[in-house]
């Protein structure tokens, strides 16, 4: 597999993992902006740069 694809695959796995963690901790039913803020924080904790 090409190195770029490997990096993208790893990063997408990290982002999906962060989203799952946020949903697991916060649960269903919140408004989208709450999930966005929580996901940004979770990505920050994982040293993944992101902005809204």
N, C-alpha and C. Protein backbone atom coordinates (compact mmCIF):
# COMPACT_ATOMS: atom_id res chain seq x y z
N UNK A 1 0.85 -1.18 0.00
CA UNK A 1 0.00 0.00 0.00
C UNK A 1 0.89 1.24 0.00
N UNK A 2 0.51 2.22 -0.76
CA UNK A 2 1.24 3.48 -0.86
C UNK A 2 1.27 4.16 0.51
N UNK A 3 2.38 4.80 0.86
CA UNK A 3 2.55 5.44 2.17
C UNK A 3 1.46 6.47 2.44
N UNK A 4 1.08 7.25 1.44
CA UNK A 4 0.04 8.25 1.62
C UNK A 4 -1.29 7.60 2.01
N UNK A 5 -1.61 6.49 1.38
CA UNK A 5 -2.84 5.76 1.71
C UNK A 5 -2.77 5.20 3.13
N UNK A 6 -1.61 4.74 3.53
CA UNK A 6 -1.44 4.23 4.89
C UNK A 6 -1.67 5.33 5.92
N UNK A 7 -1.12 6.50 5.66
CA UNK A 7 -1.31 7.63 6.58
C UNK A 7 -2.76 8.05 6.64
N UNK A 8 -3.41 8.12 5.48
CA UNK A 8 -4.83 8.50 5.44
C UNK A 8 -5.68 7.46 6.15
N UNK A 9 -5.36 6.19 5.97
CA UNK A 9 -6.10 5.12 6.63
C UNK A 9 -5.95 5.22 8.14
N UNK A 10 -4.74 5.48 8.60
CA UNK A 10 -4.50 5.62 10.04
C UNK A 10 -5.24 6.83 10.60
N UNK A 11 -5.15 7.96 9.91
CA UNK A 11 -5.82 9.17 10.38
C UNK A 11 -7.33 9.00 10.42
N UNK A 12 -7.90 8.40 9.39
CA UNK A 12 -9.36 8.21 9.38
C UNK A 12 -9.77 7.28 10.52
N UNK A 13 -8.97 6.29 10.82
CA UNK A 13 -9.26 5.41 11.96
C UNK A 13 -9.23 6.17 13.27
N UNK A 14 -8.27 7.07 13.42
CA UNK A 14 -8.19 7.89 14.63
C UNK A 14 -9.40 8.81 14.78
N UNK A 15 -9.80 9.43 13.68
CA UNK A 15 -10.94 10.36 13.72
C UNK A 15 -12.23 9.60 14.03
N UNK A 16 -12.43 8.46 13.40
CA UNK A 16 -13.62 7.65 13.67
C UNK A 16 -13.61 7.19 15.13
N UNK A 17 -12.45 6.79 15.62
CA UNK A 17 -12.33 6.38 17.02
C UNK A 17 -12.69 7.51 17.97
N UNK A 18 -12.26 8.72 17.64
CA UNK A 18 -12.59 9.88 18.47
C UNK A 18 -14.09 10.15 18.46
N UNK A 19 -14.71 10.03 17.29
CA UNK A 19 -16.15 10.25 17.19
C UNK A 19 -16.92 9.20 17.99
N UNK A 20 -16.48 7.97 17.92
CA UNK A 20 -17.13 6.90 18.69
C UNK A 20 -16.98 7.16 20.18
N UNK A 21 -15.81 7.59 20.60
CA UNK A 21 -15.58 7.89 22.02
C UNK A 21 -16.49 9.01 22.50
N UNK A 22 -16.64 10.06 21.72
CA UNK A 22 -17.54 11.16 22.09
C UNK A 22 -18.96 10.65 22.21
N UNK A 23 -19.42 9.88 21.24
CA UNK A 23 -20.79 9.38 21.28
C UNK A 23 -20.99 8.43 22.45
N UNK A 24 -19.99 7.62 22.75
CA UNK A 24 -20.08 6.70 23.88
C UNK A 24 -20.19 7.47 25.20
N UNK A 25 -19.42 8.55 25.33
CA UNK A 25 -19.43 9.32 26.57
C UNK A 25 -20.65 10.22 26.71
N UNK A 26 -21.09 10.82 25.63
CA UNK A 26 -22.19 11.79 25.70
C UNK A 26 -23.55 11.15 25.44
N UNK A 27 -23.56 10.06 24.69
CA UNK A 27 -24.83 9.39 24.38
C UNK A 27 -25.58 10.10 23.27
N UNK A 28 -26.71 9.52 22.89
CA UNK A 28 -27.51 10.09 21.80
C UNK A 28 -28.39 11.24 22.29
N UNK A 29 -28.86 12.05 21.34
CA UNK A 29 -29.89 13.03 21.65
C UNK A 29 -29.44 14.46 21.85
N UNK A 30 -28.14 14.73 21.79
CA UNK A 30 -27.68 16.11 21.95
C UNK A 30 -27.72 16.82 20.60
N UNK A 31 -27.70 18.14 20.65
CA UNK A 31 -27.67 18.89 19.40
C UNK A 31 -26.26 18.79 18.79
N UNK A 32 -26.21 18.95 17.48
CA UNK A 32 -24.98 18.73 16.72
C UNK A 32 -23.82 19.59 17.21
N UNK A 33 -24.09 20.83 17.60
CA UNK A 33 -23.01 21.72 18.01
C UNK A 33 -22.30 21.21 19.27
N UNK A 34 -23.01 20.51 20.13
CA UNK A 34 -22.37 19.92 21.32
C UNK A 34 -21.40 18.82 20.90
N UNK A 35 -21.85 17.95 20.00
CA UNK A 35 -20.97 16.89 19.51
C UNK A 35 -19.74 17.48 18.80
N UNK A 36 -19.94 18.57 18.05
CA UNK A 36 -18.82 19.20 17.34
C UNK A 36 -17.76 19.67 18.33
N UNK A 37 -18.20 20.37 19.37
CA UNK A 37 -17.24 20.88 20.36
C UNK A 37 -16.53 19.75 21.08
N UNK A 38 -17.28 18.72 21.43
CA UNK A 38 -16.68 17.57 22.11
C UNK A 38 -15.70 16.83 21.19
N UNK A 39 -16.05 16.70 19.92
CA UNK A 39 -15.17 16.03 18.97
C UNK A 39 -13.89 16.84 18.77
N UNK A 40 -14.01 18.14 18.67
CA UNK A 40 -12.81 18.97 18.54
C UNK A 40 -11.88 18.78 19.73
N UNK A 41 -12.46 18.72 20.92
CA UNK A 41 -11.65 18.52 22.13
C UNK A 41 -11.00 17.14 22.12
N UNK A 42 -11.75 16.12 21.74
CA UNK A 42 -11.21 14.76 21.69
C UNK A 42 -10.07 14.68 20.67
N UNK A 43 -10.23 15.33 19.53
CA UNK A 43 -9.16 15.34 18.52
C UNK A 43 -7.94 16.07 19.06
N UNK A 44 -8.16 17.16 19.78
CA UNK A 44 -7.06 17.90 20.39
C UNK A 44 -6.29 17.01 21.37
N UNK A 45 -7.02 16.25 22.18
CA UNK A 45 -6.38 15.34 23.13
C UNK A 45 -5.56 14.26 22.43
N UNK A 46 -5.94 13.93 21.20
CA UNK A 46 -5.22 12.93 20.41
C UNK A 46 -4.17 13.57 19.51
N UNK A 47 -3.94 14.87 19.67
CA UNK A 47 -2.95 15.63 18.88
C UNK A 47 -3.26 15.60 17.39
N UNK A 48 -4.56 15.68 17.07
CA UNK A 48 -4.99 15.74 15.68
C UNK A 48 -5.54 17.15 15.44
N UNK A 49 -4.87 17.96 14.63
CA UNK A 49 -5.35 19.33 14.41
C UNK A 49 -6.69 19.35 13.67
N UNK A 50 -7.59 20.19 14.15
CA UNK A 50 -8.91 20.32 13.52
C UNK A 50 -9.50 21.68 13.89
N UNK A 51 -10.33 22.20 13.00
CA UNK A 51 -11.04 23.45 13.27
C UNK A 51 -12.48 23.30 12.82
N UNK A 52 -13.32 24.16 13.35
CA UNK A 52 -14.73 24.18 12.94
C UNK A 52 -14.94 25.17 11.86
